[in-house]
Amino acid sequence: MTEEKIIELLLKDNETFRKIHQEHQECEQALSSLRTKSYLTEEERVQEKLLKKKKLRLKDEMYRMILEFQQRTGHE
């Protein structure tokens, strides 16, 4: 089973994964918005750094859940 298929299943069946995925998408949208600016204020630079860290933490959490799913179901 591909990782994309596992993500589809987790989005459909796992509320926690769905919430983490949604939060990850929101971080990406906020970062995209910041990237459109030609100049970032100090506050925006701090916000950007925090968003990147949060997005990475969320991605790591989703990856952990994908690995757990693979181990539980025997799909690797």
PDB file of N, CA and C in Angstrom:
ATOM      1  N   MET A   1       0.857  -1.175   0.000  1.00  0.00           N
ATOM      2  CA  MET A   1       0.000   0.000   0.000  1.00  0.00           C
ATOM      3  C   MET A   1       0.902   1.237   0.000  1.00  0.00           C
ATOM      4  N   THR A   2       0.579   2.184  -0.863  1.00  0.00           N
ATOM      5  CA  THR A   2       1.406   3.386  -0.955  1.00  0.00           C
ATOM      6  C   THR A   2       1.145   4.317   0.224  1.00  0.00           C
ATOM      7  N   GLU A   3       2.111   5.185   0.462  1.00  0.00           N
ATOM      8  CA  GLU A   3       1.963   6.157   1.544  1.00  0.00           C
ATOM      9  C   GLU A   3       0.763   7.073   1.288  1.00  0.00           C
ATOM     10  N   GLU A   4       0.534   7.419   0.022  1.00  0.00           N
ATOM     11  CA  GLU A   4      -0.606   8.272  -0.324  1.00  0.00           C
ATOM     12  C   GLU A   4      -1.932   7.597   0.041  1.00  0.00           C
ATOM     13  N   LYS A   5      -2.018   6.292  -0.227  1.00  0.00           N
ATOM     14  CA  LYS A   5      -3.239   5.538   0.098  1.00  0.00           C
ATOM     15  C   LYS A   5      -3.441   5.471   1.609  1.00  0.00           C
ATOM     16  N   ILE A   6      -2.344   5.286   2.342  1.00  0.00           N
ATOM     17  CA  ILE A   6      -2.430   5.254   3.804  1.00  0.00           C
ATOM     18  C   ILE A   6      -2.913   6.600   4.326  1.00  0.00           C
ATOM     19  N   ILE A   7      -2.387   7.678   3.759  1.00  0.00           N
ATOM     20  CA  ILE A   7      -2.815   9.020   4.168  1.00  0.00           C
ATOM     21  C   ILE A   7      -4.304   9.194   3.899  1.00  0.00           C
ATOM     22  N   GLU A   8      -4.760   8.750   2.729  1.00  0.00           N
ATOM     23  CA  GLU A   8      -6.191   8.818   2.405  1.00  0.00           C
ATOM     24  C   GLU A   8      -7.027   8.088   3.453  1.00  0.00           C
ATOM     25  N   LEU A   9      -6.597   6.878   3.804  1.00  0.00           N
ATOM     26  CA  LEU A   9      -7.334   6.085   4.795  1.00  0.00           C
ATOM     27  C   LEU A   9      -7.338   6.768   6.158  1.00  0.00           C
ATOM     28  N   LEU A  10      -6.180   7.279   6.565  1.00  0.00           N
ATOM     29  CA  LEU A  10      -6.102   7.940   7.868  1.00  0.00           C
ATOM     30  C   LEU A  10      -6.944   9.217   7.891  1.00  0.00           C
ATOM     31  N   LEU A  11      -6.942   9.966   6.793  1.00  0.00           N
ATOM     32  CA  LEU A  11      -7.775  11.172   6.730  1.00  0.00           C
ATOM     33  C   LEU A  11      -9.256  10.815   6.842  1.00  0.00           C
ATOM     34  N   LYS A  12      -9.622   9.691   6.260  1.00  0.00           N
ATOM     35  CA  LYS A  12     -11.018   9.257   6.278  1.00  0.00           C
ATOM     36  C   LYS A  12     -11.428   8.699   7.640  1.00  0.00           C
ATOM     37  N   ASP A  13     -10.536   7.910   8.260  1.00  0.00           N
ATOM     38  CA  ASP A  13     -10.930   7.128   9.429  1.00  0.00           C
ATOM     39  C   ASP A  13     -10.370   7.596  10.769  1.00  0.00           C
ATOM     40  N   ASN A  14      -9.395   8.492  10.763  1.00  0.00           N
ATOM     41  CA  ASN A  14      -8.723   8.857  12.007  1.00  0.00           C
ATOM     42  C   ASN A  14      -8.861  10.356  12.260  1.00  0.00           C
ATOM     43  N   GLU A  15      -9.690  10.706  13.229  1.00  0.00           N
ATOM     44  CA  GLU A  15      -9.965  12.116  13.516  1.00  0.00           C
ATOM     45  C   GLU A  15      -8.711  12.866  13.957  1.00  0.00           C
ATOM     46  N   THR A  16      -7.863  12.228  14.752  1.00  0.00           N
ATOM     47  CA  THR A  16      -6.633  12.873  15.215  1.00  0.00           C
ATOM     48  C   THR A  16      -5.727  13.196  14.036  1.00  0.00           C
ATOM     49  N   PHE A  17      -5.550  12.238  13.133  1.00  0.00           N
ATOM     50  CA  PHE A  17      -4.724  12.468  11.947  1.00  0.00           C
ATOM     51  C   PHE A  17      -5.320  13.595  11.108  1.00  0.00           C
ATOM     52  N   ARG A  18      -6.630  13.594  10.964  1.00  0.00           N
ATOM     53  CA  ARG A  18      -7.319  14.617  10.175  1.00  0.00           C
ATOM     54  C   ARG A  18      -7.062  16.011  10.752  1.00  0.00           C
ATOM     55  N   LYS A  19      -7.138  16.134  12.085  1.00  0.00           N
ATOM     56  CA  LYS A  19      -6.906  17.431  12.735  1.00  0.00           C
ATOM     57  C   LYS A  19      -5.460  17.888  12.559  1.00  0.00           C
ATOM     58  N   ILE A  20      -4.525  16.962  12.719  1.00  0.00           N
ATOM     59  CA  ILE A  20      -3.107  17.293  12.554  1.00  0.00           C
ATOM     60  C   ILE A  20      -2.838  17.715  11.110  1.00  0.00           C
ATOM     61  N   HIS A  21      -3.412  16.995  10.169  1.00  0.00           N
ATOM     62  CA  HIS A  21      -3.247  17.316   8.749  1.00  0.00           C
ATOM     63  C   HIS A  21      -3.814  18.706   8.454  1.00  0.00           C
ATOM     64  N   GLN A  22      -4.973  19.010   8.996  1.00  0.00           N
ATOM     65  CA  GLN A  22      -5.594  20.320   8.781  1.00  0.00           C
ATOM     66  C   GLN A  22      -4.713  21.432   9.355  1.00  0.00           C
ATOM     67  N   GLU A  23      -4.189  21.216  10.550  1.00  0.00           N
ATOM     68  CA  GLU A  23      -3.298  22.197  11.170  1.00  0.00           C
ATOM     69  C   GLU A  23      -2.043  22.404  10.326  1.00  0.00           C
ATOM     70  N   HIS A  24      -1.516  21.319   9.791  1.00  0.00           N
ATOM     71  CA  HIS A  24      -0.335  21.379   8.921  1.00  0.00           C
ATOM     72  C   HIS A  24      -0.647  22.233   7.685  1.00  0.00           C
ATOM     73  N   GLN A  25      -1.822  22.027   7.094  1.00  0.00           N
ATOM     74  CA  GLN A  25      -2.232  22.804   5.925  1.00  0.00           C
ATOM     75  C   GLN A  25      -2.381  24.287   6.269  1.00  0.00           C
ATOM     76  N   GLU A  26      -2.919  24.575   7.450  1.00  0.00           N
ATOM     77  CA  GLU A  26      -3.074  25.964   7.879  1.00  0.00           C
ATOM     78  C   GLU A  26      -1.717  26.637   8.054  1.00  0.00           C
ATOM     79  N   CYS A  27      -0.750  25.919   8.589  1.00  0.00           N
ATOM     80  CA  CYS A  27       0.617  26.451   8.718  1.00  0.00           C
ATOM     81  C   CYS A  27       1.188  26.750   7.338  1.00  0.00           C
ATOM     82  N   GLU A  28       0.982  25.847   6.401  1.00  0.00           N
ATOM     83  CA  GLU A  28       1.486  26.043   5.038  1.00  0.00           C
ATOM     84  C   GLU A  28       0.856  27.274   4.398  1.00  0.00           C
ATOM     85  N   GLN A  29      -0.444  27.468   4.606  1.00  0.00           N
ATOM     86  CA  GLN A  29      -1.116  28.638   4.047  1.00  0.00           C
ATOM     87  C   GLN A  29      -0.578  29.924   4.655  1.00  0.00           C
ATOM     88  N   ALA A  30      -0.359  29.921   5.963  1.00  0.00           N
ATOM     89  CA  ALA A  30       0.181  31.104   6.636  1.00  0.00           C
ATOM     90  C   ALA A  30       1.596  31.402   6.143  1.00  0.00           C
ATOM     91  N   LEU A  31       2.406  30.358   5.971  1.00  0.00           N
ATOM     92  CA  LEU A  31       3.764  30.552   5.456  1.00  0.00           C
ATOM     93  C   LEU A  31       3.735  31.067   4.019  1.00  0.00           C
ATOM     94  N   SER A  32       2.835  30.562   3.216  1.00  0.00           N
ATOM     95  CA  SER A  32       2.701  31.031   1.834  1.00  0.00           C
ATOM     96  C   SER A  32       2.350  32.508   1.801  1.00  0.00           C
ATOM     97  N   SER A  33       1.490  32.905   2.699  1.00  0.00           N
ATOM     98  CA  SER A  33       1.106  34.309   2.791  1.00  0.00           C
ATOM     99  C   SER A  33       2.306  35.181   3.156  1.00  0.00           C
ATOM    100  N   LEU A  34       3.112  34.708   4.087  1.00  0.00           N
ATOM    101  CA  LEU A  34       4.307  35.461   4.474  1.00  0.00           C
ATOM    102  C   LEU A  34       5.321  35.519   3.327  1.00  0.00           C
ATOM    103  N   ARG A  35       5.408  34.460   2.546  1.00  0.00           N
ATOM    104  CA  ARG A  35       6.371  34.411   1.436  1.00  0.00           C
ATOM    105  C   ARG A  35       6.053  35.420   0.338  1.00  0.00           C
ATOM    106  N   THR A  36       4.811  35.847   0.250  1.00  0.00           N
ATOM    107  CA  THR A  36       4.443  36.801  -0.799  1.00  0.00           C
ATOM    108  C   THR A  36       4.930  38.209  -0.483  1.00  0.00           C
ATOM    109  N   LYS A  37       5.290  38.454   0.752  1.00  0.00           N
ATOM    110  CA  LYS A  37       5.743  39.788   1.149  1.00  0.00           C
ATOM    111  C   LYS A  37       7.201  39.981   0.748  1.00  0.00           C
ATOM    112  N   SER A  38       7.506  41.186   0.296  1.00  0.00           N
ATOM    113  CA  SER A  38       8.889  41.468  -0.090  1.00  0.00           C
ATOM    114  C   SER A  38       9.754  41.777   1.125  1.00  0.00           C
ATOM    115  N   TYR A  39       9.118  42.163   2.223  1.00  0.00           N
ATOM    116  CA  TYR A  39       9.858  42.472   3.448  1.00  0.00           C
ATOM    117  C   TYR A  39       9.056  41.976   4.643  1.00  0.00           C
ATOM    118  N   LEU A  40       9.733  41.311   5.570  1.00  0.00           N
ATOM    119  CA  LEU A  40       9.074  40.841   6.788  1.00  0.00           C
ATOM    120  C   LEU A  40       9.535  41.687   7.964  1.00  0.00           C
ATOM    121  N   THR A  41       8.581  42.079   8.784  1.00  0.00           N
ATOM    122  CA  THR A  41       8.931  42.770  10.020  1.00  0.00           C
ATOM    123  C   THR A  41       9.571  41.760  10.968  1.00  0.00           C
ATOM    124  N   GLU A  42      10.140  42.258  12.036  1.00  0.00           N
ATOM    125  CA  GLU A  42      10.748  41.361  13.023  1.00  0.00           C
ATOM    126  C   GLU A  42       9.693  40.391  13.566  1.00  0.00           C
ATOM    127  N   GLU A  43       8.511  40.908  13.842  1.00  0.00           N
ATOM    128  CA  GLU A  43       7.416  40.064  14.351  1.00  0.00           C
ATOM    129  C   GLU A  43       7.043  38.978  13.334  1.00  0.00           C
ATOM    130  N   GLU A  44       7.002  39.348  12.066  1.00  0.00           N
ATOM    131  CA  GLU A  44       6.667  38.373  11.023  1.00  0.00           C
ATOM    132  C   GLU A  44       7.764  37.320  10.865  1.00  0.00           C
ATOM    133  N   ARG A  45       9.022  37.720  11.030  1.00  0.00           N
ATOM    134  CA  ARG A  45      10.124  36.751  10.959  1.00  0.00           C
ATOM    135  C   ARG A  45      10.026  35.744  12.103  1.00  0.00           C
ATOM    136  N   VAL A  46       9.676  36.236  13.285  1.00  0.00           N
ATOM    137  CA  VAL A  46       9.494  35.342  14.431  1.00  0.00           C
ATOM    138  C   VAL A  46       8.317  34.408  14.164  1.00  0.00           C
ATOM    139  N   GLN A  47       7.229  34.978  13.657  1.00  0.00           N
ATOM    140  CA  GLN A  47       6.050  34.170  13.333  1.00  0.00           C
ATOM    141  C   GLN A  47       6.404  33.101  12.292  1.00  0.00           C
ATOM    142  N   GLU A  48       7.174  33.473  11.282  1.00  0.00           N
ATOM    143  CA  GLU A  48       7.585  32.526  10.248  1.00  0.00           C
ATOM    144  C   GLU A  48       8.390  31.372  10.852  1.00  0.00           C
ATOM    145  N   LYS A  49       9.319  31.703  11.724  1.00  0.00           N
ATOM    146  CA  LYS A  49      10.148  30.670  12.354  1.00  0.00           C
ATOM    147  C   LYS A  49       9.289  29.724  13.197  1.00  0.00           C
ATOM    148  N   LEU A  50       8.345  30.291  13.959  1.00  0.00           N
ATOM    149  CA  LEU A  50       7.461  29.468  14.787  1.00  0.00           C
ATOM    150  C   LEU A  50       6.565  28.576  13.928  1.00  0.00           C
ATOM    151  N   LEU A  51       6.060  29.133  12.829  1.00  0.00           N
ATOM    152  CA  LEU A  51       5.213  28.348  11.926  1.00  0.00           C
ATOM    153  C   LEU A  51       5.990  27.188  11.304  1.00  0.00           C
ATOM    154  N   LYS A  52       7.230  27.445  10.918  1.00  0.00           N
ATOM    155  CA  LYS A  52       8.051  26.378  10.330  1.00  0.00           C
ATOM    156  C   LYS A  52       8.294  25.259  11.331  1.00  0.00           C
ATOM    157  N   LYS A  53       8.572  25.627  12.572  1.00  0.00           N
ATOM    158  CA  LYS A  53       8.801  24.614  13.610  1.00  0.00           C
ATOM    159  C   LYS A  53       7.533  23.812  13.879  1.00  0.00           C
ATOM    160  N   LYS A  54       6.403  24.521  13.955  1.00  0.00           N
ATOM    161  CA  LYS A  54       5.130  23.842  14.210  1.00  0.00           C
ATOM    162  C   LYS A  54       4.784  22.905  13.053  1.00  0.00           C
ATOM    163  N   LYS A  55       4.979  23.386  11.833  1.00  0.00           N
ATOM    164  CA  LYS A  55       4.675  22.575  10.655  1.00  0.00           C
ATOM    165  C   LYS A  55       5.529  21.308  10.635  1.00  0.00           C
ATOM    166  N   LEU A  56       6.799  21.436  10.971  1.00  0.00           N
ATOM    167  CA  LEU A  56       7.690  20.280  11.014  1.00  0.00           C
ATOM    168  C   LEU A  56       7.267  19.296  12.101  1.00  0.00           C
ATOM    169  N   ARG A  57       6.889  19.821  13.264  1.00  0.00           N
ATOM    170  CA  ARG A  57       6.426  18.961  14.357  1.00  0.00           C
ATOM    171  C   ARG A  57       5.180  18.190  13.930  1.00  0.00           C
ATOM    172  N   LEU A  58       4.262  18.873  13.261  1.00  0.00           N
ATOM    173  CA  LEU A  58       3.035  18.228  12.789  1.00  0.00           C
ATOM    174  C   LEU A  58       3.343  17.169  11.727  1.00  0.00           C
ATOM    175  N   LYS A  59       4.274  17.489  10.835  1.00  0.00           N
ATOM    176  CA  LYS A  59       4.662  16.521   9.803  1.00  0.00           C
ATOM    177  C   LYS A  59       5.270  15.278  10.439  1.00  0.00           C
ATOM    178  N   ASP A  60       6.117  15.482  11.438  1.00  0.00           N
ATOM    179  CA  ASP A  60       6.711  14.347  12.154  1.00  0.00           C
ATOM    180  C   ASP A  60       5.639  13.494  12.821  1.00  0.00           C
ATOM    181  N   GLU A  61       4.640  14.143  13.392  1.00  0.00           N
ATOM    182  CA  GLU A  61       3.551  13.418  14.052  1.00  0.00           C
ATOM    183  C   GLU A  61       2.745  12.606  13.033  1.00  0.00           C
ATOM    184  N   MET A  62       2.459  13.203  11.877  1.00  0.00           N
ATOM    185  CA  MET A  62       1.735  12.467  10.838  1.00  0.00           C
ATOM    186  C   MET A  62       2.556  11.274  10.359  1.00  0.00           C
ATOM    187  N   TYR A  63       3.854  11.470  10.182  1.00  0.00           N
ATOM    188  CA  TYR A  63       4.721  10.383   9.733  1.00  0.00           C
ATOM    189  C   TYR A  63       4.730   9.243  10.751  1.00  0.00           C
ATOM    190  N   ARG A  64       4.777   9.600  12.036  1.00  0.00           N
ATOM    191  CA  ARG A  64       4.737   8.586  13.092  1.00  0.00           C
ATOM    192  C   ARG A  64       3.442   7.782  13.010  1.00  0.00           C
ATOM    193  N   MET A  65       2.334   8.470  12.767  1.00  0.00           N
ATOM    194  CA  MET A  65       1.042   7.786  12.665  1.00  0.00           C
ATOM    195  C   MET A  65       0.995   6.879  11.434  1.00  0.00           C
ATOM    196  N   ILE A  66       1.613   7.312  10.341  1.00  0.00           N
ATOM    197  CA  ILE A  66       1.676   6.485   9.131  1.00  0.00           C
ATOM    198  C   ILE A  66       2.475   5.217   9.413  1.00  0.00           C
ATOM    199  N   LEU A  67       3.616   5.368  10.078  1.00  0.00           N
ATOM    200  CA  LEU A  67       4.437   4.200  10.422  1.00  0.00           C
ATOM    201  C   LEU A  67       3.691   3.242  11.344  1.00  0.00           C
ATOM    202  N   GLU A  68       2.976   3.783  12.319  1.00  0.00           N
ATOM    203  CA  GLU A  68       2.185   2.937  13.222  1.00  0.00           C
ATOM    204  C   GLU A  68       1.124   2.172  12.445  1.00  0.00           C
ATOM    205  N   PHE A  69       0.476   2.841  11.497  1.00  0.00           N
ATOM    206  CA  PHE A  69      -0.534   2.187  10.671  1.00  0.00           C
ATOM    207  C   PHE A  69       0.098   1.042   9.880  1.00  0.00           C
ATOM    208  N   GLN A  70       1.261   1.306   9.287  1.00  0.00           N
ATOM    209  CA  GLN A  70       1.952   0.275   8.507  1.00  0.00           C
ATOM    210  C   GLN A  70       2.306  -0.924   9.381  1.00  0.00           C
ATOM    211  N   GLN A  71       2.772  -0.675  10.587  1.00  0.00           N
ATOM    212  CA  GLN A  71       3.145  -1.766  11.488  1.00  0.00           C
ATOM    213  C   GLN A  71       1.920  -2.562  11.929  1.00  0.00           C
ATOM    214  N   ARG A  72       0.826  -1.856  12.222  1.00  0.00           N
ATOM    215  CA  ARG A  72      -0.401  -2.521  12.665  1.00  0.00           C
ATOM    216  C   ARG A  72      -0.993  -3.399  11.574  1.00  0.00           C
ATOM    217  N   THR A  73      -0.930  -2.904  10.341  1.00  0.00           N
ATOM    218  CA  THR A  73      -1.605  -3.606   9.252  1.00  0.00           C
ATOM    219  C   THR A  73      -0.672  -4.473   8.421  1.00  0.00           C
ATOM    220  N   GLY A  74       0.621  -4.369   8.672  1.00  0.00           N
ATOM    221  CA  GLY A  74       1.580  -5.155   7.912  1.00  0.00           C
ATOM    222  C   GLY A  74       1.875  -4.596   6.536  1.00  0.00           C
ATOM    223  N   HIS A  75       1.475  -3.331   6.279  1.00  0.00           N
ATOM    224  CA  HIS A  75       1.757  -2.677   4.991  1.00  0.00           C
ATOM    225  C   HIS A  75       3.013  -1.837   5.128  1.00  0.00           C
ATOM    226  N   GLU A  76       4.024  -2.192   4.359  1.00  0.00           N
ATOM    227  CA  GLU A  76       5.269  -1.411   4.405  1.00  0.00           C
ATOM    228  C   GLU A  76       5.734  -1.027   3.048  1.00  0.00           C
TER     229      GLU A  76
END
